[in-house]
Amino acid sequence: MANSNVREYSDFDINFINHPLTGDIIKLKNEQEVVNSCKNILCTQFNEKLFKPNFGSPILKYLFEPNLSVLRIALRNDIMMALKNYEPRVNVMKVDIEATEDDMLLVNIIVKIINNTNPIKISLFLERIRG
């Protein structure tokens, strides 16, 4: 007998990739969809979403700041706050931030989806784009 308390999450891939055989838009399900949602929240800047000026996170502003421990603490707090406010399906367990040799920040977030026992790792590279 199936557990009726388990929820299934699904959404379309933001890139609108077509299935190679059917031509339909690919649907993301469960963990994939939640990870995609978290990444979208974190990469959306304030005032970018119409009629929701507070939606998103300010993490992109940290790209041009000096790489100090204070920066990593503020970045960690902003990530946790954005996911707490806009992604109720997850509990953030841990946020690790590492600086790479080529001025990039590697952000690893460990989250637990509500009604799921397995933690999920979300990785983001924050990179300065030089013109």
Protein backbone atom coordinates (compact mmCIF):
# COMPACT_ATOMS: atom_id res chain seq x y z
CA MET A 1 0.00 0.00 0.00
CA ALA A 2 1.40 3.41 -0.99
CA ASN A 3 1.96 6.12 1.59
CA SER A 4 -0.58 8.89 0.98
CA ASN A 5 1.53 11.49 2.85
CA VAL A 6 4.27 11.55 0.20
CA ARG A 7 3.90 14.54 -2.10
CA GLU A 8 5.10 14.62 -5.66
CA TYR A 9 6.39 17.93 -6.99
CA SER A 10 6.66 18.72 -10.69
CA ASP A 11 7.25 21.69 -12.95
CA PHE A 12 8.56 22.47 -16.42
CA ASP A 13 12.27 22.89 -17.01
CA ILE A 14 13.01 26.61 -17.22
CA ASN A 15 15.02 26.02 -20.42
CA PHE A 16 11.97 24.45 -22.13
CA ILE A 17 14.01 21.53 -23.42
CA ASN A 18 12.06 19.16 -25.66
CA HIS A 19 12.03 15.42 -25.09
CA PRO A 20 14.08 13.84 -27.92
CA LEU A 21 11.43 11.24 -28.78
CA THR A 22 8.08 12.87 -28.09
CA GLY A 23 8.94 16.53 -28.65
CA ASP A 24 7.06 17.48 -25.46
CA ILE A 25 8.58 19.87 -22.95
CA ILE A 26 10.42 17.91 -20.28
CA LYS A 27 8.92 17.99 -16.79
CA LEU A 28 11.14 18.04 -13.76
CA LYS A 29 9.91 15.92 -10.89
CA ASN A 30 10.44 15.84 -7.14
CA GLU A 31 14.10 16.48 -6.22
CA GLN A 32 15.03 17.90 -9.62
CA GLU A 33 12.17 20.38 -9.49
CA VAL A 34 12.94 21.55 -5.96
CA VAL A 35 16.65 22.00 -6.78
CA ASN A 36 15.71 23.99 -9.88
CA SER A 37 13.36 26.15 -7.83
CA CYS A 38 16.05 26.86 -5.21
CA LYS A 39 18.55 27.87 -7.90
CA ASN A 40 15.99 30.15 -9.53
CA ILE A 41 15.23 31.87 -6.22
CA LEU A 42 18.90 32.42 -5.47
CA CYS A 43 19.77 33.73 -8.94
CA THR A 44 16.81 36.11 -9.13
CA GLN A 45 17.69 39.63 -8.05
CA PHE A 46 15.34 41.86 -6.09
CA ASN A 47 12.93 43.89 -8.29
CA GLU A 48 13.46 41.44 -11.15
CA LYS A 49 10.10 39.70 -10.77
CA LEU A 50 7.13 41.83 -11.76
CA PHE A 51 4.82 42.79 -8.85
CA LYS A 52 7.07 40.94 -6.36
CA PRO A 53 9.95 43.34 -5.64
CA ASN A 54 11.16 41.43 -2.56
CA PHE A 55 11.32 38.04 -4.30
CA GLY A 56 14.79 36.60 -4.83
CA SER A 57 18.10 37.09 -3.12
CA PRO A 58 20.92 39.62 -3.10
CA ILE A 59 23.70 37.05 -3.57
CA LEU A 60 24.89 38.41 -6.92
CA LYS A 61 25.97 41.66 -5.23
CA TYR A 62 28.69 39.71 -3.40
CA LEU A 63 30.56 38.91 -6.61
CA PHE A 64 32.46 42.19 -6.62
CA GLU A 65 33.22 42.33 -2.90
CA PRO A 66 36.57 41.31 -1.40
CA ASN A 67 36.68 37.63 -0.49
CA LEU A 68 36.65 37.90 3.29
CA SER A 69 35.15 35.72 6.00
CA VAL A 70 32.59 38.48 6.71
CA LEU A 71 31.44 38.23 3.08
CA ARG A 72 30.93 34.48 3.41
CA ILE A 73 28.89 34.91 6.60
CA ALA A 74 26.64 37.54 4.98
CA LEU A 75 26.28 35.41 1.83
CA ARG A 76 25.39 32.33 3.91
CA ASN A 77 22.76 34.30 5.85
CA ASP A 78 21.20 35.72 2.67
CA ILE A 79 21.01 32.25 1.08
CA MET A 80 19.36 30.77 4.15
CA MET A 81 16.89 33.68 4.42
CA ALA A 82 15.91 33.56 0.73
CA LEU A 83 15.23 29.82 0.83
CA LYS A 84 13.37 30.12 4.13
CA ASN A 85 11.15 32.89 2.75
CA TYR A 86 10.46 31.57 -0.76
CA GLU A 87 10.93 27.80 -0.76
CA PRO A 88 8.76 26.29 1.99
CA ARG A 89 9.37 22.74 0.74
CA VAL A 90 12.95 22.66 2.03
CA ASN A 91 14.83 22.98 5.28
CA VAL A 92 18.37 24.30 4.85
CA MET A 93 20.78 22.14 6.81
CA LYS A 94 24.15 23.56 5.78
CA VAL A 95 25.68 26.21 3.50
CA ASP A 96 29.39 25.99 2.57
CA ILE A 97 31.14 28.68 0.55
CA GLU A 98 34.57 28.20 -1.01
CA ALA A 99 36.67 30.60 -3.04
CA THR A 100 38.29 29.11 -6.13
CA GLU A 101 41.58 30.19 -7.69
CA ASP A 102 39.89 31.99 -10.59
CA ASP A 103 37.80 34.44 -8.51
CA MET A 104 34.72 32.25 -8.39
CA LEU A 105 32.67 31.31 -5.36
CA LEU A 106 31.48 27.72 -5.06
CA VAL A 107 28.32 27.54 -2.95
CA ASN A 108 27.23 24.11 -1.71
CA ILE A 109 23.85 23.97 0.01
CA ILE A 110 22.55 20.87 1.79
CA VAL A 111 18.76 20.86 2.05
CA LYS A 112 16.14 18.39 3.16
CA ILE A 113 12.86 18.29 1.27
CA ILE A 114 9.80 18.13 3.51
CA ASN A 115 8.51 14.51 3.71
CA ASN A 116 11.78 13.17 2.28
CA THR A 117 14.52 11.62 4.40
CA ASN A 118 17.44 12.04 2.00
CA PRO A 119 19.38 15.31 2.05
CA ILE A 120 20.12 16.93 -1.31
CA LYS A 121 23.20 18.90 -2.33
CA ILE A 122 22.71 22.01 -4.45
CA SER A 123 25.85 23.50 -6.00
CA LEU A 124 26.16 26.97 -7.51
CA PHE A 125 29.14 28.71 -9.04
CA LEU A 126 29.07 32.47 -8.64
CA GLU A 127 31.40 34.00 -11.20
CA ARG A 128 32.48 37.51 -12.05
CA ILE A 129 32.02 38.24 -15.72
CA ARG A 130 34.69 40.50 -17.11
CA GLY A 131 33.87 42.59 -20.13
